[in-house]
Protein backbone atom coordinates (compact mmCIF):
# COMPACT_ATOMS: atom_id res chain seq x y z
CA MET A 1 10.71 -17.04 0.18
CA LYS A 2 14.30 -18.21 0.49
CA ARG A 3 16.86 -17.14 -2.13
CA PRO A 4 18.39 -20.13 -3.76
CA THR A 5 21.77 -21.00 -2.38
CA GLN A 6 24.96 -21.73 -4.37
CA SER A 7 24.54 -25.44 -3.70
CA SER A 8 20.89 -25.48 -4.96
CA ASN A 9 21.87 -23.55 -8.07
CA ARG A 10 24.56 -26.18 -8.65
CA ARG A 11 22.18 -28.93 -8.34
CA THR A 12 19.81 -27.16 -10.75
CA ARG A 13 22.55 -26.73 -13.23
CA ASP A 14 23.66 -30.37 -12.97
CA SER A 15 20.04 -31.52 -13.63
CA CYS A 16 19.67 -29.27 -16.63
CA LYS A 17 21.33 -31.63 -19.22
CA PHE A 18 19.52 -31.92 -22.46
CA ARG A 19 20.39 -33.67 -25.70
CA ASP A 20 21.16 -31.52 -28.77
CA GLN A 21 18.28 -32.46 -31.18
CA THR A 22 20.45 -31.73 -34.25
CA THR A 23 23.59 -33.67 -33.39
CA GLU A 24 22.04 -36.07 -30.79
CA SER A 25 25.15 -35.28 -28.65
CA LEU A 26 25.42 -33.16 -25.52
CA GLN A 27 26.99 -29.75 -26.16
CA PRO A 28 28.58 -27.67 -23.34
CA ILE A 29 27.65 -24.05 -23.25
CA SER A 30 28.74 -21.01 -21.24
CA VAL A 31 26.80 -17.84 -21.42
CA PRO A 32 28.65 -14.74 -19.97
CA GLY A 33 26.69 -13.07 -17.24
CA TYR A 34 24.40 -16.03 -16.57
CA PRO A 35 26.10 -18.23 -13.91
CA PHE A 36 23.07 -20.62 -13.78
CA LEU A 37 23.61 -21.36 -17.50
CA GLU A 38 27.30 -21.93 -17.37
CA SER A 39 28.28 -25.63 -17.89
CA PRO A 40 25.97 -27.77 -17.69
CA TYR A 41 24.99 -29.23 -21.00
CA ILE A 42 21.98 -27.48 -22.40
CA ASP A 43 19.75 -28.26 -25.36
CA LEU A 44 20.80 -25.66 -28.00
CA ALA A 45 17.42 -26.00 -29.73
CA ARG A 46 15.41 -25.45 -26.48
CA SER A 47 17.69 -23.34 -24.36
CA PRO A 48 15.93 -20.62 -22.36
CA LEU A 49 17.78 -18.08 -24.59
CA GLY A 50 16.59 -19.83 -27.70
CA GLY A 51 18.45 -20.09 -31.15
CA SER A 52 21.81 -21.18 -31.78
CA LEU A 53 24.90 -20.96 -29.67
CA GLN A 54 26.08 -17.79 -31.46
CA ASP A 55 22.60 -16.27 -31.31
CA GLN A 56 22.53 -16.97 -27.49
CA GLN A 57 25.84 -15.21 -26.96
CA LYS A 58 24.62 -12.22 -28.90
CA LYS A 59 21.46 -12.09 -26.94
CA SER A 60 23.17 -12.46 -23.61
CA ASP A 61 24.72 -8.98 -24.17
CA MET A 62 21.19 -7.52 -24.90
CA ASN A 63 19.32 -9.25 -22.10
CA SER A 64 19.60 -8.32 -18.44
CA HIS A 65 20.21 -10.50 -15.45
CA TYR A 66 19.02 -9.38 -12.00
CA ASP A 67 19.23 -10.63 -8.36
CA VAL A 68 15.44 -10.33 -8.10
CA LEU A 69 12.73 -9.86 -10.83
CA ILE A 70 9.18 -8.78 -9.69
CA VAL A 71 6.31 -9.05 -11.90
CA GLY A 72 3.61 -6.53 -11.06
CA ALA A 73 4.19 -2.92 -9.74
CA GLY A 74 1.15 -2.71 -7.48
CA ILE A 75 1.30 -2.34 -3.75
CA ALA A 76 3.09 -5.47 -3.00
CA GLY A 77 5.46 -5.34 -5.96
CA SER A 78 6.48 -1.69 -5.57
CA ALA A 79 6.77 -1.94 -1.79
CA LEU A 80 8.91 -5.08 -2.24
CA ALA A 81 11.28 -3.45 -4.72
CA HIS A 82 11.88 -0.54 -2.47
CA ALA A 83 12.60 -2.79 0.63
CA LEU A 84 15.06 -5.00 -1.29
CA SER A 85 16.92 -1.93 -2.40
CA THR A 86 17.79 -1.27 1.36
CA ILE A 87 19.36 -4.57 2.03
CA THR A 88 23.08 -4.53 2.39
CA SER A 89 25.62 -6.52 4.31
CA LYS A 90 29.42 -6.83 4.91
CA LEU A 91 29.49 -9.48 2.12
CA ARG A 92 27.52 -7.42 -0.19
CA PRO A 93 27.88 -3.62 0.24
CA SER A 94 26.07 -2.71 -2.92
CA PRO A 95 22.28 -2.93 -3.28
CA LEU A 96 20.60 -5.97 -4.92
CA ARG A 97 19.76 -5.54 -8.68
CA VAL A 98 15.93 -5.55 -8.96
CA ALA A 99 13.78 -5.38 -11.98
CA LEU A 100 10.23 -4.33 -11.51
CA LEU A 101 7.96 -5.15 -14.48
CA GLU A 102 4.55 -3.59 -14.97
CA ARG A 103 2.37 -3.82 -18.05
CA SER A 104 1.16 -0.12 -17.74
CA LEU A 105 2.76 2.54 -15.59
CA ALA A 106 -0.23 4.85 -16.13
CA GLU A 107 -2.19 5.78 -12.95
CA PRO A 108 -4.71 2.82 -12.30
CA ASP A 109 -8.35 3.53 -11.76
CA ARG A 110 -9.68 0.90 -9.46
CA ILE A 111 -12.10 0.78 -6.48
CA VAL A 112 -9.93 -1.56 -4.29
CA GLY A 113 -7.25 -0.80 -1.83
CA GLU A 114 -8.63 2.70 -0.86
CA LEU A 115 -8.63 2.30 2.89
CA LEU A 116 -5.44 1.43 4.68
CA GLN A 117 -5.81 0.12 8.23
CA PRO A 118 -3.67 1.30 11.10
CA ALA A 119 -1.43 -1.74 10.79
CA GLY A 120 -0.86 -0.88 7.07
CA VAL A 121 0.29 2.62 8.04
CA ALA A 122 2.65 1.04 10.64
CA ALA A 123 4.02 -1.30 7.94
CA LEU A 124 4.66 1.63 5.55
CA GLN A 125 6.52 3.39 8.40
CA LYS A 126 8.69 0.34 8.93
CA LEU A 127 9.46 0.13 5.24
CA GLY A 128 10.34 3.84 5.05
CA LEU A 129 7.48 4.47 2.77
CA ARG A 130 5.28 6.52 5.16
CA SER A 131 5.72 9.59 2.97
CA CYS A 132 3.69 7.81 0.15
CA LEU A 133 0.60 8.90 2.03
CA ASP A 134 1.67 12.61 1.82
CA GLY A 135 0.60 14.83 -1.11
CA ILE A 136 -2.31 12.52 -2.35
CA ASP A 137 -5.12 14.23 -0.47
CA ALA A 138 -5.35 11.15 1.90
CA ILE A 139 -7.98 11.39 4.67
CA PRO A 140 -7.24 10.19 8.24
CA GLU A 141 -9.54 7.39 9.41
CA HIS A 142 -10.23 6.88 13.12
CA GLY A 143 -12.48 3.82 13.02
CA TYR A 144 -15.95 2.68 11.79
CA CYS A 145 -19.59 3.30 12.36
CA VAL A 146 -22.36 0.92 11.46
CA ILE A 147 -25.74 2.25 10.38
CA HIS A 148 -28.86 0.21 10.83
CA SER A 149 -32.38 1.63 10.75
CA GLY A 150 -31.17 5.10 11.40
CA GLN A 151 -29.12 4.01 14.39
CA ILE A 152 -25.31 4.06 14.43
CA VAL A 153 -22.78 2.03 16.38
CA HIS A 154 -19.38 3.71 16.82
CA ILE A 155 -16.28 1.44 16.65
CA PRO A 156 -13.11 3.52 16.99
CA TYR A 157 -9.49 2.24 16.42
CA PRO A 158 -7.88 1.25 19.66
CA ASP A 159 -5.30 3.45 21.35
CA GLY A 160 -6.00 6.42 18.97
CA ASN A 161 -4.42 4.79 16.04
CA GLN A 162 -5.23 6.15 12.53
CA GLY A 163 -5.58 4.63 9.05
CA ARG A 164 -5.71 6.39 5.80
CA SER A 165 -8.15 6.47 2.84
CA PHE A 166 -7.30 7.69 -0.66
CA HIS A 167 -7.71 7.33 -4.34
CA HIS A 168 -6.04 4.03 -5.12
CA GLY A 169 -4.31 5.19 -8.22
CA ARG A 170 -2.57 8.07 -6.37
CA PHE A 171 -1.23 5.85 -3.80
CA ILE A 172 0.08 3.30 -6.39
CA MET A 173 1.86 6.18 -8.28
CA ALA A 174 3.55 7.37 -5.11
CA LEU A 175 4.78 3.86 -4.37
CA ARG A 176 6.16 3.45 -7.92
CA ASP A 177 7.87 6.84 -7.67
CA ARG A 178 9.78 5.54 -4.56
CA ALA A 179 10.67 2.36 -6.33
CA LYS A 180 12.12 4.37 -9.19
CA GLN A 181 14.20 6.41 -6.91
CA ALA A 182 15.56 3.31 -5.04
CA ALA A 183 19.16 2.29 -5.68
CA GLY A 184 19.48 -0.75 -7.96
CA VAL A 185 15.79 -0.87 -8.95
CA ASP A 186 14.85 -0.72 -12.77
CA VAL A 187 11.18 -0.03 -13.17
CA ILE A 188 10.27 -1.40 -16.74
CA GLU A 189 6.88 -0.98 -18.48
CA ALA A 190 6.40 -4.39 -20.17
CA THR A 191 3.83 -7.17 -20.49
CA VAL A 192 5.08 -10.45 -19.21
CA ASN A 193 3.99 -13.14 -21.63
CA GLU A 194 5.56 -16.23 -20.20
CA LEU A 195 7.86 -17.65 -17.69
CA ILE A 196 11.32 -19.06 -18.55
CA GLU A 197 11.83 -22.44 -16.91
CA CYS A 198 14.44 -25.18 -16.74
CA GLN A 199 12.93 -28.01 -18.71
CA LEU A 200 13.85 -30.67 -16.14
CA SER A 201 13.61 -29.04 -12.87
CA LYS A 202 10.88 -26.51 -13.66
CA ARG A 203 12.78 -23.84 -11.74
CA VAL A 204 11.81 -20.42 -12.95
CA LEU A 205 14.92 -18.67 -14.47
CA GLY A 206 13.22 -15.51 -15.69
CA VAL A 207 10.42 -14.21 -17.92
CA ARG A 208 9.79 -13.09 -21.46
CA ALA A 209 8.03 -9.79 -21.86
CA THR A 210 6.98 -7.29 -24.52
CA ARG A 211 7.47 -3.55 -24.13
CA PRO A 212 4.84 -1.17 -25.43
CA SER A 213 4.96 -0.38 -29.20
CA SER A 214 6.95 2.88 -29.88
CA GLU A 215 5.96 5.49 -32.42
CA GLY A 216 6.03 4.05 -35.88
CA SER A 217 6.07 0.38 -34.87
CA SER A 218 2.98 -1.81 -34.48
CA LYS A 219 4.38 -4.22 -31.81
CA GLY A 220 7.24 -4.31 -29.47
CA ALA A 221 9.76 -7.21 -29.64
CA LYS A 222 9.94 -9.84 -26.91
CA GLU A 223 12.75 -9.57 -24.42
CA SER A 224 14.10 -12.11 -21.95
CA PHE A 225 14.77 -11.09 -18.33
CA PHE A 226 16.67 -13.36 -15.92
CA ALA A 227 17.01 -13.35 -12.29
CA ASP A 228 18.08 -15.59 -9.38
CA LEU A 229 14.72 -15.05 -7.76
CA VAL A 230 11.38 -14.36 -9.61
CA VAL A 231 8.47 -12.98 -7.62
CA ILE A 232 4.92 -13.09 -9.12
CA ALA A 233 2.88 -10.10 -7.67
CA ASP A 234 0.42 -9.52 -10.59
CA GLY A 235 -2.64 -9.26 -8.50
CA CYS A 236 -5.77 -11.28 -7.80
CA PHE A 237 -6.40 -11.99 -11.57
CA SER A 238 -2.84 -13.30 -11.99
CA ASN A 239 -1.98 -14.98 -15.26
CA PHE A 240 0.68 -17.10 -13.64
CA ARG A 241 -0.88 -18.25 -10.43
CA SER A 242 -1.74 -21.67 -11.63
CA ALA A 243 1.68 -22.04 -13.32
CA VAL A 244 3.67 -21.06 -10.07
CA MET A 245 1.48 -22.88 -7.57
CA GLY A 246 0.35 -25.89 -9.55
CA LYS A 247 -1.98 -28.26 -7.65
CA ALA A 248 -1.74 -26.01 -4.52
CA THR A 249 -3.86 -23.36 -6.41
CA ARG A 250 -7.20 -22.96 -4.57
CA GLU A 251 -10.32 -22.77 -6.67
CA SER A 252 -12.23 -19.65 -6.09
CA SER A 253 -15.77 -18.78 -6.58
CA THR A 254 -17.50 -15.34 -7.00
CA ARG A 255 -20.42 -14.76 -4.61
CA SER A 256 -20.83 -11.13 -5.20
CA HIS A 257 -19.59 -7.92 -6.75
CA PHE A 258 -18.82 -4.56 -5.59
CA CYS A 259 -20.11 -1.58 -7.56
CA GLY A 260 -18.48 1.75 -6.89
CA ALA A 261 -19.85 5.37 -7.13
CA ILE A 262 -18.22 8.67 -6.15
CA LEU A 263 -20.31 11.01 -4.08
CA LYS A 264 -19.35 14.74 -4.19
CA ASP A 265 -19.03 16.76 -0.93
CA THR A 266 -20.82 14.35 1.18
CA ARG A 267 -20.74 14.40 4.99
CA LEU A 268 -20.71 11.02 6.71
CA PRO A 269 -22.43 10.37 10.07
CA ILE A 270 -19.18 10.34 11.86
CA PRO A 271 -16.44 12.20 9.73
CA GLN A 272 -13.21 10.43 9.05
CA HIS A 273 -14.77 7.09 9.77
CA GLY A 274 -15.46 4.07 7.38
CA THR A 275 -19.23 3.71 7.27
CA VAL A 276 -21.10 0.36 6.88
CA ALA A 277 -24.84 0.74 6.15
CA LEU A 278 -27.01 -2.39 6.60
CA VAL A 279 -29.68 -2.05 3.97
CA GLN A 280 -32.78 -4.42 4.30
CA GLY A 281 -33.13 -6.68 1.26
CA HIS A 282 -29.63 -5.86 -0.06
CA GLY A 283 -25.97 -6.46 0.78
CA PRO A 284 -23.92 -4.03 2.87
CA VAL A 285 -23.10 -0.65 1.52
CA LEU A 286 -19.70 0.85 2.44
CA LEU A 287 -18.84 4.57 2.46
CA TYR A 288 -15.52 6.21 3.17
CA GLN A 289 -14.02 9.56 2.16
CA ILE A 290 -11.11 9.24 -0.27
CA SER A 291 -10.31 12.96 -0.77
CA GLU A 292 -11.43 16.39 0.27
CA HIS A 293 -14.46 16.30 -1.98
CA ASP A 294 -14.80 12.52 -2.96
CA THR A 295 -16.51 9.91 -0.92
CA ARG A 296 -16.48 6.25 -2.17
CA MET A 297 -19.76 4.28 -2.05
CA LEU A 298 -19.49 0.44 -2.60
CA VAL A 299 -22.67 -1.50 -3.13
CA ASP A 300 -22.64 -5.17 -2.73
CA VAL A 301 -24.39 -7.00 -5.62
CA LYS A 302 -24.93 -10.70 -5.42
CA ALA A 303 -23.83 -12.83 -8.35
CA PRO A 304 -24.75 -13.33 -11.12
CA VAL A 305 -24.52 -9.82 -12.21
CA PRO A 306 -28.07 -8.50 -13.18
CA GLN A 307 -28.55 -7.08 -16.61
CA ASP A 308 -29.98 -3.86 -15.17
CA LEU A 309 -27.02 -3.36 -12.88
CA LYS A 310 -26.99 0.39 -12.97
CA VAL A 311 -30.72 0.75 -12.42
CA ARG A 312 -30.57 -1.66 -9.32
CA THR A 313 -27.44 -0.08 -7.96
CA ALA A 314 -28.74 3.43 -8.27
CA SER A 315 -31.97 2.39 -6.45
CA VAL A 316 -29.88 1.36 -3.47
CA VAL A 317 -28.02 4.69 -3.54
CA GLN A 318 -31.27 6.60 -3.55
CA PHE A 319 -32.68 4.34 -0.77
CA ILE A 320 -29.69 5.30 1.34
CA TRP A 321 -30.10 8.96 0.68
CA GLY A 322 -33.90 8.81 1.21
CA SER A 323 -33.87 6.69 4.39
CA SER A 324 -30.91 7.89 6.34
CA PRO A 325 -30.99 11.53 7.54
CA LEU A 326 -27.49 10.88 8.94
CA LEU A 327 -26.04 11.16 5.32
CA THR A 328 -25.90 14.87 4.11
CA THR A 329 -24.39 16.55 1.16
CA GLN A 330 -23.09 20.20 1.81
CA GLY A 331 -23.38 22.66 -1.06
CA THR A 332 -24.77 20.14 -3.52
CA HIS A 333 -28.11 20.30 -5.33
CA PRO A 334 -30.30 17.11 -5.13
CA GLN A 335 -30.15 16.73 -8.84
CA GLN A 336 -26.38 16.62 -8.67
CA ARG A 337 -26.57 13.98 -5.93
CA ARG A 338 -28.73 11.86 -8.20
CA ALA A 339 -26.40 12.41 -11.13
CA ALA A 340 -23.43 11.33 -9.04
CA ALA A 341 -25.29 8.21 -7.88
CA SER A 342 -26.11 7.24 -11.49
CA ARG A 343 -22.43 7.35 -12.71
CA ILE A 344 -21.84 3.65 -11.65
CA PRO A 345 -19.29 1.68 -13.84
CA PRO A 346 -19.98 -1.98 -14.49
CA PRO A 347 -17.75 -4.43 -12.44
CA ARG A 348 -14.35 -5.37 -13.91
CA ARG A 349 -14.29 -8.73 -15.50
CA PRO A 350 -11.24 -10.89 -14.54
CA ARG A 351 -8.74 -11.42 -17.21
CA SER A 352 -8.46 -14.97 -18.59
CA THR A 353 -6.17 -17.15 -16.74
CA ARG A 354 -3.80 -19.18 -18.90
CA GLN A 355 -3.81 -22.74 -17.80
CA ARG A 356 -0.47 -24.70 -17.56
CA SER A 357 -0.05 -28.41 -17.60
CA HIS A 358 2.88 -28.60 -15.24
CA GLN A 359 4.22 -27.00 -12.07
CA ALA A 360 6.70 -24.03 -12.02
CA TYR A 361 8.25 -22.56 -9.04
CA ALA A 362 9.28 -18.93 -8.30
């Protein structure tokens, strides 16, 4: 997305003229450190900073202004923050100031984003993030195999290229560590509550966010963060997709769910290959190794989710073990295999999406 130019910022400033609700007269305001808020006339009662002019000037010293603000420190957000830190030019020798906001910096536990294709590995190399695949017990992947009625079809990656499979949370933590080390990047643990917009142009000026409550306090105070460019990268269950995209938002429908299980010390038909098992009467079952001892199994369950989800999914796992001699478990007792197959968590429910009545742009 193109960064706003000086002329576009000027047009935005000129369009943001509001009438003071108290005096019914336009009041000029200049907030130090916020060029997009300097002269024009701004409604003092509804300014993005809020409160009186004196309060705004006090808050301007507390709040931070960045060149780029990124909401969401997942794969896209963390990689983008690091990439932006490497951009310099003759006109700007110092790195961009980037704020990366994430509601929780704890290691995530998810069953998505665990198998990186060769093109993804190449992209990490280009971004200077190839080392994020080191030290996380990642497994090289050389292609796929498809199992049907005990027969397999081998589909290798072309030209000897390799992918990587891993625990999603470990990969995310490695990306965040690189973002923290990047020059000019502030990684901030805070929950973004709302976008700050120009009341007329609807241009996104920043966000309001709440940091986690500290010891002895029940709730953190809301803070305002401003930037010349705001990037929303908070995932598939985004709280701000409809606000940013407006009428361009595509309606989605859920056709099925993936239920995940971890199999211990399992040997796949072709080691270091993603495995697709076509099970009669069920959806496809995916298997791939994500660490030295862990193999992920994903079972496709059609919507709506059945009440006896664990029972049905466990039956598919048992069917795979019983019908395919190509899957073996080394050094594991059959009772342990059944126990591993029964530890299947329920699918994650999407967070509610807050509806907005108007368009906003980031």
